[in-house]
Amino acid sequence: MVEDGAKVLEFPKPKAVAPMPPVTPPRKPEPKEHYRVGYIPENGMTTLTLIADYGNSMTLSMNREACEAMIKMLRATYPDTEDDIDPDDPDGGLPVEDSEARVA
């Protein structure tokens, strides 16, 4: 114990410090691919894997008939006229052949 109060060491007064700037949490990396298509030779099934976000996916396994039905449904979404075709469309707005029935 210190008997003489003059011998007590005094700590410096705290200084005001600017607050920390807000920190933005890091974003999850975007997937480099949005889907994968595969084939299983053992059972003749085609797989379509849809990649949602980092680490999440869903896989569909389809036989040939189911694949053909999906292709027809996708083609049904193509525009009907040349005026409806977007020039930036990656597949060039392929027209639906008249012989194919539209699936809604």
PDB file of N, CA and C in Angstrom:
ATOM      1  N   MET A   1       0.839  -1.175   0.000  1.00  0.00           N
ATOM      2  CA  MET A   1       0.000   0.000   0.000  1.00  0.00           C
ATOM      3  C   MET A   1       0.882   1.236   0.000  1.00  0.00           C
ATOM      4  N   VAL A   2       0.422   2.200  -0.719  1.00  0.00           N
ATOM      5  CA  VAL A   2       1.159   3.455  -0.795  1.00  0.00           C
ATOM      6  C   VAL A   2       0.593   4.375   0.279  1.00  0.00           C
ATOM      7  N   GLU A   3       1.491   4.867   1.096  1.00  0.00           N
ATOM      8  CA  GLU A   3       1.040   5.750   2.168  1.00  0.00           C
ATOM      9  C   GLU A   3       1.069   7.200   1.733  1.00  0.00           C
ATOM     10  N   ASP A   4       1.988   7.515   0.819  1.00  0.00           N
ATOM     11  CA  ASP A   4       2.116   8.898   0.381  1.00  0.00           C
ATOM     12  C   ASP A   4       1.388   9.059  -0.947  1.00  0.00           C
ATOM     13  N   GLY A   5       0.318   9.839  -1.004  1.00  0.00           N
ATOM     14  CA  GLY A   5      -0.480  10.045  -2.209  1.00  0.00           C
ATOM     15  C   GLY A   5       0.292  10.695  -3.325  1.00  0.00           C
ATOM     16  N   ALA A   6       1.401  11.370  -3.078  1.00  0.00           N
ATOM     17  CA  ALA A   6       2.187  12.041  -4.103  1.00  0.00           C
ATOM     18  C   ALA A   6       2.955  11.035  -4.941  1.00  0.00           C
ATOM     19  N   LYS A   7       3.165   9.853  -4.416  1.00  0.00           N
ATOM     20  CA  LYS A   7       3.941   8.851  -5.135  1.00  0.00           C
ATOM     21  C   LYS A   7       3.074   7.982  -6.056  1.00  0.00           C
ATOM     22  N   VAL A   8       1.778   8.243  -6.174  1.00  0.00           N
ATOM     23  CA  VAL A   8       0.872   7.451  -7.002  1.00  0.00           C
ATOM     24  C   VAL A   8       1.027   7.903  -8.458  1.00  0.00           C
ATOM     25  N   LEU A   9       1.204   6.934  -9.332  1.00  0.00           N
ATOM     26  CA  LEU A   9       1.359   7.216 -10.762  1.00  0.00           C
ATOM     27  C   LEU A   9      -0.010   7.518 -11.356  1.00  0.00           C
ATOM     28  N   GLU A  10      -0.110   8.611 -12.078  1.00  0.00           N
ATOM     29  CA  GLU A  10      -1.367   8.999 -12.716  1.00  0.00           C
ATOM     30  C   GLU A  10      -1.356   8.550 -14.166  1.00  0.00           C
ATOM     31  N   PHE A  11      -2.454   7.948 -14.608  1.00  0.00           N
ATOM     32  CA  PHE A  11      -2.585   7.549 -16.006  1.00  0.00           C
ATOM     33  C   PHE A  11      -3.001   8.744 -16.837  1.00  0.00           C
ATOM     34  N   PRO A  12      -2.592   8.775 -18.130  1.00  0.00           N
ATOM     35  CA  PRO A  12      -3.007   9.907 -18.974  1.00  0.00           C
ATOM     36  C   PRO A  12      -4.512   9.880 -19.218  1.00  0.00           C
ATOM     37  N   LYS A  13      -5.057  11.050 -19.467  1.00  0.00           N
ATOM     38  CA  LYS A  13      -6.495  11.162 -19.758  1.00  0.00           C
ATOM     39  C   LYS A  13      -6.763  10.537 -21.130  1.00  0.00           C
ATOM     40  N   PRO A  14      -7.867   9.780 -21.290  1.00  0.00           N
ATOM     41  CA  PRO A  14      -8.170   9.182 -22.599  1.00  0.00           C
ATOM     42  C   PRO A  14      -8.490  10.261 -23.628  1.00  0.00           C
ATOM     43  N   LYS A  15      -8.068   9.982 -24.877  1.00  0.00           N
ATOM     44  CA  LYS A  15      -8.337  10.914 -25.976  1.00  0.00           C
ATOM     45  C   LYS A  15      -9.541  10.403 -26.763  1.00  0.00           C
ATOM     46  N   ALA A  16     -10.290  11.316 -27.329  1.00  0.00           N
ATOM     47  CA  ALA A  16     -11.428  10.944 -28.178  1.00  0.00           C
ATOM     48  C   ALA A  16     -10.894  10.381 -29.495  1.00  0.00           C
ATOM     49  N   VAL A  17     -11.460   9.279 -29.923  1.00  0.00           N
ATOM     50  CA  VAL A  17     -11.053   8.628 -31.167  1.00  0.00           C
ATOM     51  C   VAL A  17     -12.258   8.604 -32.099  1.00  0.00           C
ATOM     52  N   ALA A  18     -12.006   8.841 -33.391  1.00  0.00           N
ATOM     53  CA  ALA A  18     -13.097   8.818 -34.370  1.00  0.00           C
ATOM     54  C   ALA A  18     -13.692   7.411 -34.423  1.00  0.00           C
ATOM     55  N   PRO A  19     -15.006   7.313 -34.606  1.00  0.00           N
ATOM     56  CA  PRO A  19     -15.621   5.981 -34.664  1.00  0.00           C
ATOM     57  C   PRO A  19     -15.156   5.227 -35.919  1.00  0.00           C
ATOM     58  N   MET A  20     -15.198   3.919 -35.822  1.00  0.00           N
ATOM     59  CA  MET A  20     -14.814   3.075 -36.959  1.00  0.00           C
ATOM     60  C   MET A  20     -15.825   3.249 -38.087  1.00  0.00           C
ATOM     61  N   PRO A  21     -15.353   3.301 -39.318  1.00  0.00           N
ATOM     62  CA  PRO A  21     -16.319   3.386 -40.425  1.00  0.00           C
ATOM     63  C   PRO A  21     -17.095   2.073 -40.530  1.00  0.00           C
ATOM     64  N   PRO A  22     -18.318   2.127 -41.063  1.00  0.00           N
ATOM     65  CA  PRO A  22     -19.092   0.889 -41.186  1.00  0.00           C
ATOM     66  C   PRO A  22     -18.384  -0.095 -42.126  1.00  0.00           C
ATOM     67  N   VAL A  23     -18.467  -1.354 -41.783  1.00  0.00           N
ATOM     68  CA  VAL A  23     -17.825  -2.396 -42.578  1.00  0.00           C
ATOM     69  C   VAL A  23     -18.884  -3.136 -43.375  1.00  0.00           C
ATOM     70  N   THR A  24     -18.652  -3.264 -44.676  1.00  0.00           N
ATOM     71  CA  THR A  24     -19.561  -3.996 -45.538  1.00  0.00           C
ATOM     72  C   THR A  24     -19.153  -5.468 -45.533  1.00  0.00           C
ATOM     73  N   PRO A  25     -20.070  -6.368 -45.222  1.00  0.00           N
ATOM     74  CA  PRO A  25     -19.695  -7.789 -45.222  1.00  0.00           C
ATOM     75  C   PRO A  25     -19.355  -8.236 -46.648  1.00  0.00           C
ATOM     76  N   PRO A  26     -18.448  -9.188 -46.786  1.00  0.00           N
ATOM     77  CA  PRO A  26     -18.089  -9.648 -48.127  1.00  0.00           C
ATOM     78  C   PRO A  26     -19.259 -10.343 -48.809  1.00  0.00           C
ATOM     79  N   ARG A  27     -19.372 -10.148 -50.123  1.00  0.00           N
ATOM     80  CA  ARG A  27     -20.435 -10.791 -50.888  1.00  0.00           C
ATOM     81  C   ARG A  27     -20.031 -12.213 -51.241  1.00  0.00           C
ATOM     82  N   LYS A  28     -21.057 -13.068 -51.333  1.00  0.00           N
ATOM     83  CA  LYS A  28     -20.796 -14.426 -51.785  1.00  0.00           C
ATOM     84  C   LYS A  28     -20.370 -14.367 -53.245  1.00  0.00           C
ATOM     85  N   PRO A  29     -19.437 -15.210 -53.646  1.00  0.00           N
ATOM     86  CA  PRO A  29     -19.041 -15.191 -55.050  1.00  0.00           C
ATOM     87  C   PRO A  29     -20.175 -15.669 -55.950  1.00  0.00           C
ATOM     88  N   GLU A  30     -20.308 -15.022 -57.095  1.00  0.00           N
ATOM     89  CA  GLU A  30     -21.321 -15.417 -58.070  1.00  0.00           C
ATOM     90  C   GLU A  30     -20.915 -16.738 -58.712  1.00  0.00           C
ATOM     91  N   PRO A  31     -21.887 -17.607 -58.970  1.00  0.00           N
ATOM     92  CA  PRO A  31     -21.516 -18.855 -59.641  1.00  0.00           C
ATOM     93  C   PRO A  31     -21.032 -18.570 -61.053  1.00  0.00           C
ATOM     94  N   LYS A  32     -20.022 -19.313 -61.498  1.00  0.00           N
ATOM     95  CA  LYS A  32     -19.491 -19.110 -62.833  1.00  0.00           C
ATOM     96  C   LYS A  32     -20.368 -19.767 -63.880  1.00  0.00           C
ATOM     97  N   GLU A  33     -21.160 -20.715 -63.457  1.00  0.00           N
ATOM     98  CA  GLU A  33     -22.079 -21.369 -64.374  1.00  0.00           C
ATOM     99  C   GLU A  33     -23.455 -21.420 -63.724  1.00  0.00           C
ATOM    100  N   HIS A  34     -24.471 -21.401 -64.550  1.00  0.00           N
ATOM    101  CA  HIS A  34     -25.836 -21.395 -64.024  1.00  0.00           C
ATOM    102  C   HIS A  34     -26.522 -22.742 -64.184  1.00  0.00           C
ATOM    103  N   TYR A  35     -25.998 -23.586 -65.064  1.00  0.00           N
ATOM    104  CA  TYR A  35     -26.558 -24.920 -65.221  1.00  0.00           C
ATOM    105  C   TYR A  35     -25.500 -25.858 -65.802  1.00  0.00           C
ATOM    106  N   ARG A  36     -25.732 -27.147 -65.628  1.00  0.00           N
ATOM    107  CA  ARG A  36     -24.891 -28.204 -66.203  1.00  0.00           C
ATOM    108  C   ARG A  36     -25.800 -29.260 -66.796  1.00  0.00           C
ATOM    109  N   VAL A  37     -25.383 -29.823 -67.914  1.00  0.00           N
ATOM    110  CA  VAL A  37     -26.126 -30.911 -68.546  1.00  0.00           C
ATOM    111  C   VAL A  37     -25.215 -32.126 -68.580  1.00  0.00           C
ATOM    112  N   GLY A  38     -25.744 -33.273 -68.217  1.00  0.00           N
ATOM    113  CA  GLY A  38     -24.948 -34.491 -68.214  1.00  0.00           C
ATOM    114  C   GLY A  38     -25.752 -35.669 -68.729  1.00  0.00           C
ATOM    115  N   TYR A  39     -25.070 -36.774 -68.907  1.00  0.00           N
ATOM    116  CA  TYR A  39     -25.711 -37.993 -69.407  1.00  0.00           C
ATOM    117  C   TYR A  39     -25.225 -39.171 -68.580  1.00  0.00           C
ATOM    118  N   ILE A  40     -26.151 -40.043 -68.187  1.00  0.00           N
ATOM    119  CA  ILE A  40     -25.807 -41.236 -67.416  1.00  0.00           C
ATOM    120  C   ILE A  40     -25.991 -42.439 -68.337  1.00  0.00           C
ATOM    121  N   PRO A  41     -24.893 -42.999 -68.847  1.00  0.00           N
ATOM    122  CA  PRO A  41     -25.023 -44.101 -69.816  1.00  0.00           C
ATOM    123  C   PRO A  41     -25.666 -45.361 -69.247  1.00  0.00           C
ATOM    124  N   GLU A  42     -25.516 -45.608 -67.957  1.00  0.00           N
ATOM    125  CA  GLU A  42     -26.060 -46.835 -67.366  1.00  0.00           C
ATOM    126  C   GLU A  42     -27.571 -46.946 -67.520  1.00  0.00           C
ATOM    127  N   ASN A  43     -28.272 -45.820 -67.375  1.00  0.00           N
ATOM    128  CA  ASN A  43     -29.735 -45.873 -67.472  1.00  0.00           C
ATOM    129  C   ASN A  43     -30.288 -44.980 -68.581  1.00  0.00           C
ATOM    130  N   GLY A  44     -29.421 -44.337 -69.346  1.00  0.00           N
ATOM    131  CA  GLY A  44     -29.860 -43.520 -70.470  1.00  0.00           C
ATOM    132  C   GLY A  44     -30.543 -42.230 -70.075  1.00  0.00           C
ATOM    133  N   MET A  45     -30.338 -41.769 -68.854  1.00  0.00           N
ATOM    134  CA  MET A  45     -30.985 -40.552 -68.369  1.00  0.00           C
ATOM    135  C   MET A  45     -30.089 -39.342 -68.632  1.00  0.00           C
ATOM    136  N   THR A  46     -30.721 -38.223 -68.917  1.00  0.00           N
ATOM    137  CA  THR A  46     -30.040 -36.947 -69.044  1.00  0.00           C
ATOM    138  C   THR A  46     -30.266 -36.183 -67.752  1.00  0.00           C
ATOM    139  N   THR A  47     -29.212 -35.521 -67.261  1.00  0.00           N
ATOM    140  CA  THR A  47     -29.350 -34.723 -66.040  1.00  0.00           C
ATOM    141  C   THR A  47     -29.205 -33.248 -66.378  1.00  0.00           C
ATOM    142  N   LEU A  48     -30.020 -32.442 -65.743  1.00  0.00           N
ATOM    143  CA  LEU A  48     -29.945 -30.989 -65.856  1.00  0.00           C
ATOM    144  C   LEU A  48     -29.804 -30.468 -64.429  1.00  0.00           C
ATOM    145  N   THR A  49     -28.644 -29.893 -64.121  1.00  0.00           N
ATOM    146  CA  THR A  49     -28.398 -29.342 -62.794  1.00  0.00           C
ATOM    147  C   THR A  49     -28.500 -27.833 -62.868  1.00  0.00           C
ATOM    148  N   LEU A  50     -29.421 -27.255 -62.109  1.00  0.00           N
ATOM    149  CA  LEU A  50     -29.598 -25.804 -62.024  1.00  0.00           C
ATOM    150  C   LEU A  50     -28.851 -25.310 -60.796  1.00  0.00           C
ATOM    151  N   ILE A  51     -27.965 -24.332 -60.992  1.00  0.00           N
ATOM    152  CA  ILE A  51     -27.138 -23.827 -59.907  1.00  0.00           C
ATOM    153  C   ILE A  51     -27.710 -22.479 -59.482  1.00  0.00           C
ATOM    154  N   ALA A  52     -28.263 -22.434 -58.263  1.00  0.00           N
ATOM    155  CA  ALA A  52     -28.942 -21.223 -57.780  1.00  0.00           C
ATOM    156  C   ALA A  52     -27.935 -20.197 -57.287  1.00  0.00           C
ATOM    157  N   ASP A  53     -27.341 -20.408 -56.155  1.00  0.00           N
ATOM    158  CA  ASP A  53     -26.287 -19.535 -55.664  1.00  0.00           C
ATOM    159  C   ASP A  53     -25.222 -20.410 -55.035  1.00  0.00           C
ATOM    160  N   TYR A  54     -24.208 -19.816 -54.540  1.00  0.00           N
ATOM    161  CA  TYR A  54     -23.018 -20.532 -54.109  1.00  0.00           C
ATOM    162  C   TYR A  54     -23.369 -21.734 -53.232  1.00  0.00           C
ATOM    163  N   GLY A  55     -23.117 -22.923 -53.747  1.00  0.00           N
ATOM    164  CA  GLY A  55     -23.341 -24.140 -52.979  1.00  0.00           C
ATOM    165  C   GLY A  55     -24.727 -24.736 -53.079  1.00  0.00           C
ATOM    166  N   ASN A  56     -25.678 -24.059 -53.716  1.00  0.00           N
ATOM    167  CA  ASN A  56     -27.044 -24.568 -53.815  1.00  0.00           C
ATOM    168  C   ASN A  56     -27.340 -24.973 -55.253  1.00  0.00           C
ATOM    169  N   SER A  57     -27.911 -26.157 -55.423  1.00  0.00           N
ATOM    170  CA  SER A  57     -28.252 -26.612 -56.766  1.00  0.00           C
ATOM    171  C   SER A  57     -29.404 -27.607 -56.695  1.00  0.00           C
ATOM    172  N   MET A  58     -29.976 -27.877 -57.874  1.00  0.00           N
ATOM    173  CA  MET A  58     -31.048 -28.849 -57.990  1.00  0.00           C
ATOM    174  C   MET A  58     -30.812 -29.618 -59.288  1.00  0.00           C
ATOM    175  N   THR A  59     -30.923 -30.930 -59.243  1.00  0.00           N
ATOM    176  CA  THR A  59     -30.677 -31.758 -60.422  1.00  0.00           C
ATOM    177  C   THR A  59     -31.948 -32.475 -60.840  1.00  0.00           C
ATOM    178  N   LEU A  60     -32.270 -32.363 -62.130  1.00  0.00           N
ATOM    179  CA  LEU A  60     -33.385 -33.092 -62.720  1.00  0.00           C
ATOM    180  C   LEU A  60     -32.809 -34.230 -63.546  1.00  0.00           C
ATOM    181  N   SER A  61     -33.376 -35.417 -63.409  1.00  0.00           N
ATOM    182  CA  SER A  61     -32.988 -36.559 -64.242  1.00  0.00           C
ATOM    183  C   SER A  61     -34.169 -36.879 -65.139  1.00  0.00           C
ATOM    184  N   MET A  62     -33.927 -36.914 -66.464  1.00  0.00           N
ATOM    185  CA  MET A  62     -35.021 -37.095 -67.420  1.00  0.00           C
ATOM    186  C   MET A  62     -34.657 -38.146 -68.452  1.00  0.00           C
ATOM    187  N   ASN A  63     -35.680 -38.895 -68.881  1.00  0.00           N
ATOM    188  CA  ASN A  63     -35.467 -39.808 -69.997  1.00  0.00           C
ATOM    189  C   ASN A  63     -35.592 -39.019 -71.295  1.00  0.00           C
ATOM    190  N   ARG A  64     -35.426 -39.685 -72.414  1.00  0.00           N
ATOM    191  CA  ARG A  64     -35.427 -38.996 -73.712  1.00  0.00           C
ATOM    192  C   ARG A  64     -36.746 -38.261 -73.971  1.00  0.00           C
ATOM    193  N   GLU A  65     -37.866 -38.902 -73.658  1.00  0.00           N
ATOM    194  CA  GLU A  65     -39.169 -38.277 -73.910  1.00  0.00           C
ATOM    195  C   GLU A  65     -39.341 -37.003 -73.080  1.00  0.00           C
ATOM    196  N   ALA A  66     -38.906 -37.029 -71.827  1.00  0.00           N
ATOM    197  CA  ALA A  66     -39.008 -35.840 -70.977  1.00  0.00           C
ATOM    198  C   ALA A  66     -38.119 -34.720 -71.505  1.00  0.00           C
ATOM    199  N   CYS A  67     -36.944 -35.065 -72.016  1.00  0.00           N
ATOM    200  CA  CYS A  67     -36.053 -34.049 -72.597  1.00  0.00           C
ATOM    201  C   CYS A  67     -36.702 -33.402 -73.816  1.00  0.00           C
ATOM    202  N   GLU A  68     -37.296 -34.223 -74.682  1.00  0.00           N
ATOM    203  CA  GLU A  68     -37.961 -33.685 -75.877  1.00  0.00           C
ATOM    204  C   GLU A  68     -39.126 -32.771 -75.480  1.00  0.00           C
ATOM    205  N   ALA A  69     -39.877 -33.153 -74.453  1.00  0.00           N
ATOM    206  CA  ALA A  69     -40.989 -32.314 -73.992  1.00  0.00           C
ATOM    207  C   ALA A  69     -40.471 -30.983 -73.460  1.00  0.00           C
ATOM    208  N   MET A  70     -39.349 -31.011 -72.731  1.00  0.00           N
ATOM    209  CA  MET A  70     -38.791 -29.757 -72.210  1.00  0.00           C
ATOM    210  C   MET A  70     -38.301 -28.867 -73.348  1.00  0.00           C
ATOM    211  N   ILE A  71     -37.684 -29.458 -74.357  1.00  0.00           N
ATOM    212  CA  ILE A  71     -37.215 -28.687 -75.513  1.00  0.00           C
ATOM    213  C   ILE A  71     -38.398 -28.012 -76.203  1.00  0.00           C
ATOM    214  N   LYS A  72     -39.501 -28.734 -76.369  1.00  0.00           N
ATOM    215  CA  LYS A  72     -40.689 -28.147 -76.995  1.00  0.00           C
ATOM    216  C   LYS A  72     -41.239 -27.003 -76.161  1.00  0.00           C
ATOM    217  N   MET A  73     -41.244 -27.165 -74.832  1.00  0.00           N
ATOM    218  CA  MET A  73     -41.737 -26.082 -73.971  1.00  0.00           C
ATOM    219  C   MET A  73     -40.839 -24.855 -74.067  1.00  0.00           C
ATOM    220  N   LEU A  74     -39.533 -25.069 -74.129  1.00  0.00           N
ATOM    221  CA  LEU A  74     -38.610 -23.938 -74.255  1.00  0.00           C
ATOM    222  C   LEU A  74     -38.775 -23.238 -75.599  1.00  0.00           C
ATOM    223  N   ARG A  75     -38.929 -24.018 -76.661  1.00  0.00           N
ATOM    224  CA  ARG A  75     -39.128 -23.426 -77.988  1.00  0.00           C
ATOM    225  C   ARG A  75     -40.429 -22.640 -78.060  1.00  0.00           C
ATOM    226  N   ALA A  76     -41.421 -23.022 -77.270  1.00  0.00           N
ATOM    227  CA  ALA A  76     -42.695 -22.310 -77.270  1.00  0.00           C
ATOM    228  C   ALA A  76     -42.543 -20.888 -76.742  1.00  0.00           C
ATOM    229  N   THR A  77     -41.453 -20.610 -76.071  1.00  0.00           N
ATOM    230  CA  THR A  77     -41.242 -19.259 -75.538  1.00  0.00           C
ATOM    231  C   THR A  77     -40.559 -18.336 -76.538  1.00  0.00           C
ATOM    232  N   TYR A  78     -40.137 -18.847 -77.693  1.00  0.00           N
ATOM    233  CA  TYR A  78     -39.490 -18.009 -78.716  1.00  0.00           C
ATOM    234  C   TYR A  78     -40.511 -17.029 -79.283  1.00  0.00           C
ATOM    235  N   PRO A  79     -40.056 -15.860 -79.742  1.00  0.00           N
ATOM    236  CA  PRO A  79     -40.985 -14.881 -80.312  1.00  0.00           C
ATOM    237  C   PRO A  79     -41.582 -15.388 -81.626  1.00  0.00           C
ATOM    238  N   ASP A  80     -42.801 -14.892 -81.939  1.00  0.00           N
ATOM    239  CA  ASP A  80     -43.512 -15.338 -83.138  1.00  0.00           C
ATOM    240  C   ASP A  80     -43.077 -14.591 -84.398  1.00  0.00           C
ATOM    241  N   THR A  81     -42.707 -13.322 -84.269  1.00  0.00           N
ATOM    242  CA  THR A  81     -42.380 -12.518 -85.446  1.00  0.00           C
ATOM    243  C   THR A  81     -40.958 -11.998 -85.359  1.00  0.00           C
ATOM    244  N   GLU A  82     -40.455 -11.543 -86.514  1.00  0.00           N
ATOM    245  CA  GLU A  82     -39.109 -10.975 -86.573  1.00  0.00           C
ATOM    246  C   GLU A  82     -39.009  -9.714 -85.704  1.00  0.00           C
ATOM    247  N   ASP A  83     -40.116  -8.949 -85.601  1.00  0.00           N
ATOM    248  CA  ASP A  83     -40.104  -7.712 -84.808  1.00  0.00           C
ATOM    249  C   ASP A  83     -39.914  -7.997 -83.325  1.00  0.00           C
ATOM    250  N   ASP A  84     -40.308  -9.190 -82.883  1.00  0.00           N
ATOM    251  CA  ASP A  84     -40.204  -9.552 -81.471  1.00  0.00           C
ATOM    252  C   ASP A  84     -38.828 -10.077 -81.095  1.00  0.00           C
ATOM    253  N   ILE A  85     -37.963 -10.292 -82.083  1.00  0.00           N
ATOM    254  CA  ILE A  85     -36.653 -10.885 -81.817  1.00  0.00           C
ATOM    255  C   ILE A  85     -35.708  -9.822 -81.277  1.00  0.00           C
ATOM    256  N   ASP A  86     -35.107 -10.110 -80.156  1.00  0.00           N
ATOM    257  CA  ASP A  86     -34.132  -9.216 -79.533  1.00  0.00           C
ATOM    258  C   ASP A  86     -32.778  -9.452 -80.204  1.00  0.00           C
ATOM    259  N   PRO A  87     -32.131  -8.414 -80.769  1.00  0.00           N
ATOM    260  CA  PRO A  87     -30.840  -8.626 -81.430  1.00  0.00           C
ATOM    261  C   PRO A  87     -29.746  -9.085 -80.471  1.00  0.00           C
ATOM    262  N   ASP A  88     -29.922  -8.853 -79.185  1.00  0.00           N
ATOM    263  CA  ASP A  88     -28.927  -9.272 -78.189  1.00  0.00           C
ATOM    264  C   ASP A  88     -29.218 -10.664 -77.641  1.00  0.00           C
ATOM    265  N   ASP A  89     -30.257 -11.332 -78.170  1.00  0.00           N
ATOM    266  CA  ASP A  89     -30.604 -12.675 -77.716  1.00  0.00           C
ATOM    267  C   ASP A  89     -29.482 -13.635 -78.106  1.00  0.00           C
ATOM    268  N   PRO A  90     -28.915 -14.374 -77.133  1.00  0.00           N
ATOM    269  CA  PRO A  90     -27.761 -15.225 -77.445  1.00  0.00           C
ATOM    270  C   PRO A  90     -28.036 -16.318 -78.465  1.00  0.00           C
ATOM    271  N   ASP A  91     -29.292 -16.802 -78.552  1.00  0.00           N
ATOM    272  CA  ASP A  91     -29.563 -17.850 -79.540  1.00  0.00           C
ATOM    273  C   ASP A  91     -30.135 -17.273 -80.826  1.00  0.00           C
ATOM    274  N   GLY A  92     -30.177 -15.937 -80.927  1.00  0.00           N
ATOM    275  CA  GLY A  92     -30.646 -15.307 -82.154  1.00  0.00           C
ATOM    276  C   GLY A  92     -32.148 -15.390 -82.351  1.00  0.00           C
ATOM    277  N   GLY A  93     -32.905 -15.743 -81.320  1.00  0.00           N
ATOM    278  CA  GLY A  93     -34.358 -15.806 -81.439  1.00  0.00           C
ATOM    279  C   GLY A  93     -34.809 -16.853 -82.437  1.00  0.00           C
ATOM    280  N   LEU A  94     -34.270 -18.047 -82.341  1.00  0.00           N
ATOM    281  CA  LEU A  94     -34.610 -19.114 -83.274  1.00  0.00           C
ATOM    282  C   LEU A  94     -36.121 -19.267 -83.369  1.00  0.00           C
ATOM    283  N   PRO A  95     -36.647 -19.314 -84.588  1.00  0.00           N
ATOM    284  CA  PRO A  95     -38.105 -19.435 -84.730  1.00  0.00           C
ATOM    285  C   PRO A  95     -38.589 -20.839 -84.408  1.00  0.00           C
ATOM    286  N   VAL A  96     -39.839 -20.917 -83.997  1.00  0.00           N
ATOM    287  CA  VAL A  96     -40.467 -22.202 -83.739  1.00  0.00           C
ATOM    288  C   VAL A  96     -40.998 -22.708 -85.069  1.00  0.00           C
ATOM    289  N   GLU A  97     -40.698 -23.961 -85.396  1.00  0.00           N
ATOM    290  CA  GLU A  97     -41.199 -24.523 -86.641  1.00  0.00           C
ATOM    291  C   GLU A  97     -42.698 -24.694 -86.554  1.00  0.00           C
ATOM    292  N   ASP A  98     -43.381 -24.470 -87.702  1.00  0.00           N
ATOM    293  CA  ASP A  98     -44.839 -24.544 -87.723  1.00  0.00           C
ATOM    294  C   ASP A  98     -45.366 -25.923 -87.385  1.00  0.00           C
ATOM    295  N   SER A  99     -44.580 -26.959 -87.674  1.00  0.00           N
ATOM    296  CA  SER A  99     -45.060 -28.318 -87.432  1.00  0.00           C
ATOM    297  C   SER A  99     -45.085 -28.673 -85.958  1.00  0.00           C
ATOM    298  N   GLU A 100     -44.406 -27.903 -85.127  1.00  0.00           N
ATOM    299  CA  GLU A 100     -44.351 -28.213 -83.693  1.00  0.00           C
ATOM    300  C   GLU A 100     -45.518 -27.548 -82.978  1.00  0.00           C
ATOM    301  N   ALA A 101     -46.156 -28.301 -82.142  1.00  0.00           N
ATOM    302  CA  ALA A 101     -47.277 -27.757 -81.373  1.00  0.00           C
ATOM    303  C   ALA A 101     -46.757 -26.903 -80.242  1.00  0.00           C
ATOM    304  N   ARG A 102     -47.454 -25.836 -79.950  1.00  0.00           N
ATOM    305  CA  ARG A 102     -47.086 -24.974 -78.828  1.00  0.00           C
ATOM    306  C   ARG A 102     -47.562 -25.617 -77.542  1.00  0.00           C
ATOM    307  N   VAL A 103     -46.674 -25.587 -76.547  1.00  0.00           N
ATOM    308  CA  VAL A 103     -47.014 -26.127 -75.244  1.00  0.00           C
ATOM    309  C   VAL A 103     -47.091 -24.967 -74.285  1.00  0.00           C
ATOM    310  N   ALA A 104     -48.169 -24.850 -73.537  1.00  0.00           N
ATOM    311  CA  ALA A 104     -48.306 -23.739 -72.596  1.00  0.00           C
ATOM    312  C   ALA A 104     -48.259 -24.256 -71.189  1.00  0.00           C
TER     313      ALA A 104
END
